[in-house]
Amino acid sequence: MTVNLPNLTDIERTGLEYAIAERVVATFVVTACGVGVAAGPADVFHASFWETMAAAGLAAAGSLI
């Protein structure tokens, strides 16, 4: 009986892709929360919902690079 297991390189590549995606999503969420808190209850500056999402998207794109 033979067992066909995937190459270790395939597993490593998949893990790396998930790790990168997780970091990008985490950066987006943390940035959105930070901008939302600063623009809302902390009243440091004023930002609309879409300005908050744009800032979070730029930070996530920056973390991808």
N, C-alpha and C. Protein backbone atom coordinates (compact mmCIF):
# COMPACT_ATOMS: atom_id res chain seq x y z
N MET A 1 0.84 -1.18 0.00
CA MET A 1 0.00 0.00 0.00
C MET A 1 0.89 1.25 0.00
N THR A 2 0.61 2.18 -0.89
CA THR A 2 1.38 3.42 -0.96
C THR A 2 0.50 4.59 -0.56
N VAL A 3 1.13 5.54 0.06
CA VAL A 3 0.43 6.76 0.49
C VAL A 3 1.03 7.92 -0.29
N ASN A 4 0.19 8.63 -1.02
CA ASN A 4 0.65 9.77 -1.80
C ASN A 4 0.43 11.05 -0.99
N LEU A 5 1.49 11.60 -0.47
CA LEU A 5 1.43 12.84 0.29
C LEU A 5 1.88 14.00 -0.60
N PRO A 6 1.37 15.18 -0.38
CA PRO A 6 1.81 16.32 -1.20
C PRO A 6 3.26 16.69 -0.89
N ASN A 7 3.87 17.37 -1.84
CA ASN A 7 5.23 17.83 -1.61
C ASN A 7 5.26 18.81 -0.45
N LEU A 8 6.35 18.80 0.25
CA LEU A 8 6.51 19.73 1.35
C LEU A 8 6.50 21.17 0.84
N THR A 9 7.02 21.38 -0.36
CA THR A 9 7.04 22.74 -0.90
C THR A 9 5.63 23.26 -1.15
N ASP A 10 4.70 22.39 -1.55
CA ASP A 10 3.30 22.81 -1.74
C ASP A 10 2.68 23.23 -0.42
N ILE A 11 2.95 22.46 0.63
CA ILE A 11 2.42 22.79 1.95
C ILE A 11 3.02 24.10 2.45
N GLU A 12 4.31 24.27 2.26
CA GLU A 12 4.96 25.50 2.70
C GLU A 12 4.40 26.71 1.94
N ARG A 13 4.19 26.56 0.65
CA ARG A 13 3.67 27.66 -0.16
C ARG A 13 2.26 28.04 0.29
N THR A 14 1.43 27.04 0.54
CA THR A 14 0.06 27.30 0.99
C THR A 14 0.06 27.99 2.35
N GLY A 15 0.91 27.54 3.25
CA GLY A 15 1.02 28.17 4.57
C GLY A 15 1.48 29.61 4.47
N LEU A 16 2.42 29.87 3.59
CA LEU A 16 2.91 31.23 3.39
C LEU A 16 1.82 32.13 2.83
N GLU A 17 1.03 31.61 1.89
CA GLU A 17 -0.06 32.40 1.32
C GLU A 17 -1.10 32.74 2.38
N TYR A 18 -1.43 31.78 3.24
CA TYR A 18 -2.39 32.05 4.32
C TYR A 18 -1.81 33.06 5.31
N ALA A 19 -0.53 32.95 5.61
CA ALA A 19 0.10 33.88 6.55
C ALA A 19 0.09 35.30 6.00
N ILE A 20 0.38 35.46 4.73
CA ILE A 20 0.37 36.80 4.11
C ILE A 20 -1.04 37.36 4.10
N ALA A 21 -2.01 36.54 3.72
CA ALA A 21 -3.40 36.99 3.69
C ALA A 21 -3.87 37.38 5.08
N GLU A 22 -3.49 36.61 6.09
CA GLU A 22 -3.89 36.92 7.46
C GLU A 22 -3.30 38.24 7.91
N ARG A 23 -2.06 38.51 7.58
CA ARG A 23 -1.42 39.77 7.97
C ARG A 23 -2.09 40.95 7.29
N VAL A 24 -2.45 40.81 6.02
CA VAL A 24 -3.10 41.89 5.29
C VAL A 24 -4.48 42.19 5.90
N VAL A 25 -5.25 41.13 6.16
CA VAL A 25 -6.58 41.31 6.76
C VAL A 25 -6.46 41.89 8.16
N ALA A 26 -5.51 41.41 8.95
CA ALA A 26 -5.32 41.93 10.31
C ALA A 26 -4.91 43.40 10.27
N THR A 27 -4.06 43.78 9.35
CA THR A 27 -3.66 45.18 9.22
C THR A 27 -4.85 46.05 8.87
N PHE A 28 -5.70 45.57 7.96
CA PHE A 28 -6.89 46.32 7.57
C PHE A 28 -7.81 46.53 8.77
N VAL A 29 -8.08 45.48 9.52
CA VAL A 29 -9.00 45.57 10.66
C VAL A 29 -8.45 46.47 11.74
N VAL A 30 -7.18 46.31 12.08
CA VAL A 30 -6.58 47.13 13.14
C VAL A 30 -6.54 48.60 12.73
N THR A 31 -6.21 48.88 11.48
CA THR A 31 -6.17 50.26 11.01
C THR A 31 -7.56 50.88 11.01
N ALA A 32 -8.54 50.13 10.54
CA ALA A 32 -9.92 50.64 10.53
C ALA A 32 -10.39 50.95 11.95
N CYS A 33 -10.09 50.07 12.88
CA CYS A 33 -10.47 50.31 14.28
C CYS A 33 -9.74 51.52 14.84
N GLY A 34 -8.46 51.64 14.55
CA GLY A 34 -7.68 52.78 15.05
C GLY A 34 -8.18 54.10 14.51
N VAL A 35 -8.44 54.15 13.22
CA VAL A 35 -8.94 55.39 12.62
C VAL A 35 -10.35 55.68 13.14
N GLY A 36 -11.16 54.64 13.29
CA GLY A 36 -12.51 54.83 13.81
C GLY A 36 -12.52 55.37 15.22
N VAL A 37 -11.65 54.87 16.06
CA VAL A 37 -11.57 55.36 17.44
C VAL A 37 -11.04 56.79 17.47
N ALA A 38 -10.03 57.07 16.66
CA ALA A 38 -9.46 58.42 16.65
C ALA A 38 -10.46 59.44 16.10
N ALA A 39 -11.27 59.03 15.13
CA ALA A 39 -12.24 59.95 14.54
C ALA A 39 -13.53 60.00 15.34
N GLY A 40 -13.78 59.02 16.16
CA GLY A 40 -15.03 58.95 16.90
C GLY A 40 -14.89 59.41 18.34
N PRO A 41 -14.85 58.45 19.27
CA PRO A 41 -14.83 58.79 20.69
C PRO A 41 -13.62 59.62 21.12
N ALA A 42 -12.47 59.36 20.54
CA ALA A 42 -11.28 60.12 20.93
C ALA A 42 -11.32 61.53 20.37
N ASP A 43 -12.07 61.73 19.28
CA ASP A 43 -12.25 63.04 18.65
C ASP A 43 -10.92 63.72 18.33
N VAL A 44 -9.96 62.93 17.84
CA VAL A 44 -8.67 63.49 17.44
C VAL A 44 -8.79 64.19 16.09
N PHE A 45 -9.52 63.59 15.18
CA PHE A 45 -9.79 64.19 13.88
C PHE A 45 -11.10 63.65 13.36
N HIS A 46 -11.58 64.21 12.29
CA HIS A 46 -12.87 63.79 11.73
C HIS A 46 -12.63 63.01 10.44
N ALA A 47 -13.22 61.85 10.35
CA ALA A 47 -13.12 61.03 9.14
C ALA A 47 -14.47 60.35 8.92
N SER A 48 -14.88 60.32 7.67
CA SER A 48 -16.12 59.61 7.34
C SER A 48 -15.84 58.11 7.31
N PHE A 49 -16.89 57.34 7.15
CA PHE A 49 -16.74 55.89 7.05
C PHE A 49 -15.83 55.52 5.88
N TRP A 50 -16.03 56.15 4.74
CA TRP A 50 -15.26 55.80 3.55
C TRP A 50 -13.82 56.27 3.66
N GLU A 51 -13.58 57.38 4.34
CA GLU A 51 -12.20 57.81 4.58
C GLU A 51 -11.48 56.81 5.50
N THR A 52 -12.22 56.30 6.48
CA THR A 52 -11.66 55.28 7.36
C THR A 52 -11.31 54.01 6.59
N MET A 53 -12.22 53.57 5.71
CA MET A 53 -11.97 52.37 4.92
C MET A 53 -10.82 52.57 3.94
N ALA A 54 -10.71 53.78 3.38
CA ALA A 54 -9.60 54.08 2.46
C ALA A 54 -8.27 54.03 3.20
N ALA A 55 -8.21 54.60 4.37
CA ALA A 55 -6.97 54.56 5.16
C ALA A 55 -6.60 53.13 5.52
N ALA A 56 -7.59 52.33 5.89
CA ALA A 56 -7.33 50.93 6.22
C ALA A 56 -6.87 50.16 4.98
N GLY A 57 -7.48 50.43 3.84
CA GLY A 57 -7.07 49.77 2.61
C GLY A 57 -5.65 50.11 2.19
N LEU A 58 -5.29 51.37 2.35
CA LEU A 58 -3.91 51.79 2.03
C LEU A 58 -2.91 51.13 2.96
N ALA A 59 -3.25 51.03 4.23
CA ALA A 59 -2.35 50.36 5.17
C ALA A 59 -2.22 48.88 4.85
N ALA A 60 -3.33 48.24 4.48
CA ALA A 60 -3.28 46.82 4.12
C ALA A 60 -2.47 46.59 2.86
N ALA A 61 -2.64 47.48 1.88
CA ALA A 61 -1.85 47.37 0.65
C ALA A 61 -0.37 47.58 0.94
N GLY A 62 -0.06 48.50 1.83
CA GLY A 62 1.33 48.73 2.22
C GLY A 62 1.93 47.51 2.92
N SER A 63 1.13 46.83 3.74
CA SER A 63 1.66 45.64 4.42
C SER A 63 1.85 44.50 3.45
N LEU A 64 1.10 44.48 2.36
CA LEU A 64 1.28 43.44 1.35
C LEU A 64 2.61 43.61 0.62
N ILE A 65 2.98 44.85 0.40
CA ILE A 65 4.24 45.14 -0.29
C ILE A 65 5.38 44.88 0.66
